[in-house]
């Protein structure tokens, strides 16, 4: 699969604009979550709700990894980054959801979280698998320890 940079850019901007709009909304109204949720509203228990809202961020990159064709030049660096991202969301969705004993979560929040985590999983998975240009020299020495994957033009 080839890099769809226009789609990645558009969806990223949609998340940024949606985040700003949500922030503005939250400054005017309290969030309907936890102690602020109205009693009697449609809610899911905390564990299953947490699982459902976080698992798309794990499954979407997994599907991209399994269904995508191997590209020339794709190596250990890309796979390592994708598997690290997926490990993080596996823990959040499968392990933490069993450990949480929070309050019931409104269905509206679960649905919006599923949409966000699906977009997040697609953007991260597609970018890491098909768009990221990792230098093999960046995977050695101090730069790896510092978390830097590419040498910036200013540092050269």
C-alpha atoms as a PDB file:
ATOM      1  CA  UNK A   1       0.000   0.000   0.000  1.00  0.00           C
ATOM      2  CA  UNK A   2       1.306   3.425  -0.800  1.00  0.00           C
ATOM      3  CA  UNK A   3       1.386   6.396   1.515  1.00  0.00           C
ATOM      4  CA  UNK A   4      -1.805   8.429   1.401  1.00  0.00           C
ATOM      5  CA  UNK A   5      -0.332  11.635   2.755  1.00  0.00           C
ATOM      6  CA  UNK A   6      -3.367  13.737   1.764  1.00  0.00           C
ATOM      7  CA  UNK A   7      -5.689  11.429   3.720  1.00  0.00           C
ATOM      8  CA  UNK A   8      -3.345  11.398   6.720  1.00  0.00           C
ATOM      9  CA  UNK A   9      -3.093  15.190   6.664  1.00  0.00           C
ATOM     10  CA  UNK A  10      -6.860  15.709   6.263  1.00  0.00           C
ATOM     11  CA  UNK A  11      -7.780  13.280   9.023  1.00  0.00           C
ATOM     12  CA  UNK A  12      -5.121  14.753  11.311  1.00  0.00           C
ATOM     13  CA  UNK A  13      -6.528  18.248  10.782  1.00  0.00           C
ATOM     14  CA  UNK A  14     -10.038  16.905  11.393  1.00  0.00           C
ATOM     15  CA  UNK A  15      -8.854  15.570  14.763  1.00  0.00           C
ATOM     16  CA  UNK A  16      -7.178  18.888  15.609  1.00  0.00           C
ATOM     17  CA  UNK A  17     -10.276  20.929  14.701  1.00  0.00           C
ATOM     18  CA  UNK A  18     -12.527  18.452  16.523  1.00  0.00           C
ATOM     19  CA  UNK A  19     -10.282  18.653  19.596  1.00  0.00           C
ATOM     20  CA  UNK A  20     -10.424  22.441  19.646  1.00  0.00           C
ATOM     21  CA  UNK A  21     -14.211  22.381  19.195  1.00  0.00           C
ATOM     22  CA  UNK A  22     -14.544  19.873  22.024  1.00  0.00           C
ATOM     23  CA  UNK A  23     -12.282  21.997  24.251  1.00  0.00           C
ATOM     24  CA  UNK A  24     -14.456  25.053  23.620  1.00  0.00           C
ATOM     25  CA  UNK A  25     -17.580  23.012  24.390  1.00  0.00           C
ATOM     26  CA  UNK A  26     -16.049  21.705  27.624  1.00  0.00           C
ATOM     27  CA  UNK A  27     -15.314  25.236  28.831  1.00  0.00           C
ATOM     28  CA  UNK A  28     -19.062  25.967  28.692  1.00  0.00           C
ATOM     29  CA  UNK A  29     -20.494  22.658  29.986  1.00  0.00           C
ATOM     30  CA  UNK A  30     -19.321  19.972  32.372  1.00  0.00           C
ATOM     31  CA  UNK A  31     -18.460  16.636  30.819  1.00  0.00           C
ATOM     32  CA  UNK A  32     -21.074  13.922  31.257  1.00  0.00           C
ATOM     33  CA  UNK A  33     -18.688  11.440  32.791  1.00  0.00           C
ATOM     34  CA  UNK A  34     -18.112  10.019  36.242  1.00  0.00           C
ATOM     35  CA  UNK A  35     -19.722  12.112  38.946  1.00  0.00           C
ATOM     36  CA  UNK A  36     -21.020  14.587  36.335  1.00  0.00           C
ATOM     37  CA  UNK A  37     -23.097  11.949  34.492  1.00  0.00           C
ATOM     38  CA  UNK A  38     -26.818  12.328  34.910  1.00  0.00           C
ATOM     39  CA  UNK A  39     -28.385   9.407  36.773  1.00  0.00           C
ATOM     40  CA  UNK A  40     -30.731   7.298  34.726  1.00  0.00           C
ATOM     41  CA  UNK A  41     -29.014   7.970  31.396  1.00  0.00           C
ATOM     42  CA  UNK A  42     -27.905   5.169  29.109  1.00  0.00           C
ATOM     43  CA  UNK A  43     -24.589   3.910  30.455  1.00  0.00           C
ATOM     44  CA  UNK A  44     -22.275   0.929  30.100  1.00  0.00           C
ATOM     45  CA  UNK A  45     -20.299  -0.636  32.933  1.00  0.00           C
ATOM     46  CA  UNK A  46     -16.771   0.768  33.125  1.00  0.00           C
ATOM     47  CA  UNK A  47     -14.858  -2.386  32.125  1.00  0.00           C
ATOM     48  CA  UNK A  48     -16.733  -3.261  28.908  1.00  0.00           C
ATOM     49  CA  UNK A  49     -16.996   0.419  27.974  1.00  0.00           C
ATOM     50  CA  UNK A  50     -13.252   0.901  28.371  1.00  0.00           C
ATOM     51  CA  UNK A  51     -12.578  -2.218  26.280  1.00  0.00           C
ATOM     52  CA  UNK A  52     -14.927  -1.161  23.469  1.00  0.00           C
ATOM     53  CA  UNK A  53     -13.620   2.376  23.263  1.00  0.00           C
ATOM     54  CA  UNK A  54      -9.922   1.451  23.257  1.00  0.00           C
ATOM     55  CA  UNK A  55      -9.791  -1.776  21.205  1.00  0.00           C
ATOM     56  CA  UNK A  56     -10.124  -0.089  17.753  1.00  0.00           C
ATOM     57  CA  UNK A  57      -6.745   1.608  18.294  1.00  0.00           C
ATOM     58  CA  UNK A  58      -5.281  -1.899  18.644  1.00  0.00           C
ATOM     59  CA  UNK A  59      -7.248  -3.698  15.916  1.00  0.00           C
ATOM     60  CA  UNK A  60      -6.977  -1.141  13.091  1.00  0.00           C
ATOM     61  CA  UNK A  61      -3.125  -1.110  12.990  1.00  0.00           C
ATOM     62  CA  UNK A  62      -3.164  -4.894  13.366  1.00  0.00           C
ATOM     63  CA  UNK A  63      -5.410  -5.170  10.305  1.00  0.00           C
ATOM     64  CA  UNK A  64      -3.210  -2.731   8.392  1.00  0.00           C
ATOM     65  CA  UNK A  65      -0.184  -4.805   9.336  1.00  0.00           C
ATOM     66  CA  UNK A  66      -1.761  -8.135   8.391  1.00  0.00           C
ATOM     67  CA  UNK A  67      -3.571  -7.046   5.231  1.00  0.00           C
ATOM     68  CA  UNK A  68      -0.980  -4.599   3.908  1.00  0.00           C
ATOM     69  CA  UNK A  69       1.639  -5.687   1.450  1.00  0.00           C
ATOM     70  CA  UNK A  70       5.273  -5.555   2.487  1.00  0.00           C
ATOM     71  CA  UNK A  71       6.997  -2.569   0.933  1.00  0.00           C
ATOM     72  CA  UNK A  72      10.588  -2.527  -0.203  1.00  0.00           C
ATOM     73  CA  UNK A  73      12.682  -0.809   2.406  1.00  0.00           C
ATOM     74  CA  UNK A  74      10.255  -1.533   5.228  1.00  0.00           C
ATOM     75  CA  UNK A  75      12.288  -3.014   7.974  1.00  0.00           C
ATOM     76  CA  UNK A  76      12.613  -3.616  11.635  1.00  0.00           C
ATOM     77  CA  UNK A  77      12.209   0.040  12.627  1.00  0.00           C
ATOM     78  CA  UNK A  78       8.696   0.404  11.238  1.00  0.00           C
ATOM     79  CA  UNK A  79       7.574  -2.945  12.602  1.00  0.00           C
ATOM     80  CA  UNK A  80       9.031  -2.185  16.005  1.00  0.00           C
ATOM     81  CA  UNK A  81       7.207   1.157  16.205  1.00  0.00           C
ATOM     82  CA  UNK A  82       3.880  -0.338  15.085  1.00  0.00           C
ATOM     83  CA  UNK A  83       4.164  -3.260  17.503  1.00  0.00           C
ATOM     84  CA  UNK A  84       5.036  -0.867  20.346  1.00  0.00           C
ATOM     85  CA  UNK A  85       1.946   1.228  19.575  1.00  0.00           C
ATOM     86  CA  UNK A  86      -0.190  -1.918  19.423  1.00  0.00           C
ATOM     87  CA  UNK A  87       1.269  -3.262  22.672  1.00  0.00           C
ATOM     88  CA  UNK A  88       0.327  -0.013  24.384  1.00  0.00           C
ATOM     89  CA  UNK A  89      -3.282  -0.223  23.180  1.00  0.00           C
ATOM     90  CA  UNK A  90      -3.465  -3.965  23.870  1.00  0.00           C
ATOM     91  CA  UNK A  91      -2.681  -3.151  27.489  1.00  0.00           C
ATOM     92  CA  UNK A  92      -5.176  -0.248  27.566  1.00  0.00           C
ATOM     93  CA  UNK A  93      -7.980  -2.274  26.012  1.00  0.00           C
ATOM     94  CA  UNK A  94      -7.478  -5.859  27.181  1.00  0.00           C
ATOM     95  CA  UNK A  95      -5.614  -5.618  30.484  1.00  0.00           C
ATOM     96  CA  UNK A  96      -6.700  -2.288  31.979  1.00  0.00           C
ATOM     97  CA  UNK A  97     -10.360  -2.875  31.120  1.00  0.00           C
ATOM     98  CA  UNK A  98     -10.289  -5.931  33.386  1.00  0.00           C
ATOM     99  CA  UNK A  99      -8.663  -3.975  36.222  1.00  0.00           C
ATOM    100  CA  UNK A 100     -10.792  -0.831  36.203  1.00  0.00           C
ATOM    101  CA  UNK A 101     -13.635  -0.396  38.675  1.00  0.00           C
ATOM    102  CA  UNK A 102     -14.829   2.993  37.582  1.00  0.00           C
ATOM    103  CA  UNK A 103     -18.321   4.360  37.294  1.00  0.00           C
ATOM    104  CA  UNK A 104     -20.596   3.541  34.357  1.00  0.00           C
ATOM    105  CA  UNK A 105     -19.795   5.450  31.169  1.00  0.00           C
ATOM    106  CA  UNK A 106     -22.489   7.107  29.026  1.00  0.00           C
ATOM    107  CA  UNK A 107     -23.020   5.417  25.658  1.00  0.00           C
ATOM    108  CA  UNK A 108     -22.432   8.740  23.876  1.00  0.00           C
ATOM    109  CA  UNK A 109     -18.898   8.915  25.272  1.00  0.00           C
ATOM    110  CA  UNK A 110     -18.205   5.289  24.341  1.00  0.00           C
ATOM    111  CA  UNK A 111     -19.326   5.923  20.746  1.00  0.00           C
ATOM    112  CA  UNK A 112     -17.261   9.083  20.359  1.00  0.00           C
ATOM    113  CA  UNK A 113     -14.243   7.290  21.842  1.00  0.00           C
ATOM    114  CA  UNK A 114     -14.641   4.431  19.361  1.00  0.00           C
ATOM    115  CA  UNK A 115     -14.557   6.951  16.500  1.00  0.00           C
ATOM    116  CA  UNK A 116     -11.487   8.720  17.923  1.00  0.00           C
ATOM    117  CA  UNK A 117      -9.573   5.498  18.622  1.00  0.00           C
ATOM    118  CA  UNK A 118     -10.406   4.155  15.151  1.00  0.00           C
ATOM    119  CA  UNK A 119      -9.047   7.316  13.530  1.00  0.00           C
ATOM    120  CA  UNK A 120      -6.034   7.328  15.834  1.00  0.00           C
ATOM    121  CA  UNK A 121      -5.289   3.675  15.058  1.00  0.00           C
ATOM    122  CA  UNK A 122      -5.574   4.256  11.316  1.00  0.00           C
ATOM    123  CA  UNK A 123      -3.449   7.397  11.331  1.00  0.00           C
ATOM    124  CA  UNK A 124      -0.705   5.908  13.494  1.00  0.00           C
ATOM    125  CA  UNK A 125      -0.707   2.524  11.755  1.00  0.00           C
ATOM    126  CA  UNK A 126      -0.823   3.859   8.204  1.00  0.00           C
ATOM    127  CA  UNK A 127       1.802   6.520   8.851  1.00  0.00           C
ATOM    128  CA  UNK A 128       4.214   4.157  10.585  1.00  0.00           C
ATOM    129  CA  UNK A 129       3.752   1.357   8.051  1.00  0.00           C
ATOM    130  CA  UNK A 130       3.556   3.288   4.803  1.00  0.00           C
ATOM    131  CA  UNK A 131       4.688   6.905   5.220  1.00  0.00           C
ATOM    132  CA  UNK A 132       7.477   7.103   7.806  1.00  0.00           C
ATOM    133  CA  UNK A 133      10.991   7.332   6.417  1.00  0.00           C
ATOM    134  CA  UNK A 134      13.335   5.916   9.029  1.00  0.00           C
ATOM    135  CA  UNK A 135      17.084   6.072   8.592  1.00  0.00           C
ATOM    136  CA  UNK A 136      18.951   2.916   9.504  1.00  0.00           C
ATOM    137  CA  UNK A 137      21.756   5.009  10.999  1.00  0.00           C
ATOM    138  CA  UNK A 138      19.272   6.490  13.485  1.00  0.00           C
ATOM    139  CA  UNK A 139      18.808   3.142  15.196  1.00  0.00           C
ATOM    140  CA  UNK A 140      22.216   3.094  16.836  1.00  0.00           C
ATOM    141  CA  UNK A 141      23.938   4.917  19.630  1.00  0.00           C
ATOM    142  CA  UNK A 142      22.830   7.846  21.712  1.00  0.00           C
ATOM    143  CA  UNK A 143      20.169   9.090  19.266  1.00  0.00           C
ATOM    144  CA  UNK A 144      18.088   5.952  19.817  1.00  0.00           C
ATOM    145  CA  UNK A 145      18.299   6.378  23.585  1.00  0.00           C
ATOM    146  CA  UNK A 146      17.171   9.993  23.257  1.00  0.00           C
ATOM    147  CA  UNK A 147      14.201   8.995  21.084  1.00  0.00           C
ATOM    148  CA  UNK A 148      15.374  10.787  17.952  1.00  0.00           C
ATOM    149  CA  UNK A 149      14.678   8.817  14.754  1.00  0.00           C
ATOM    150  CA  UNK A 150      15.861  11.317  12.148  1.00  0.00           C
ATOM    151  CA  UNK A 151      18.554  13.920  12.111  1.00  0.00           C
ATOM    152  CA  UNK A 152      17.000  17.332  11.641  1.00  0.00           C
ATOM    153  CA  UNK A 153      18.335  19.737   9.026  1.00  0.00           C
ATOM    154  CA  UNK A 154      19.241  22.234  11.747  1.00  0.00           C
ATOM    155  CA  UNK A 155      21.426  19.671  13.538  1.00  0.00           C
ATOM    156  CA  UNK A 156      23.502  18.899  10.442  1.00  0.00           C
END
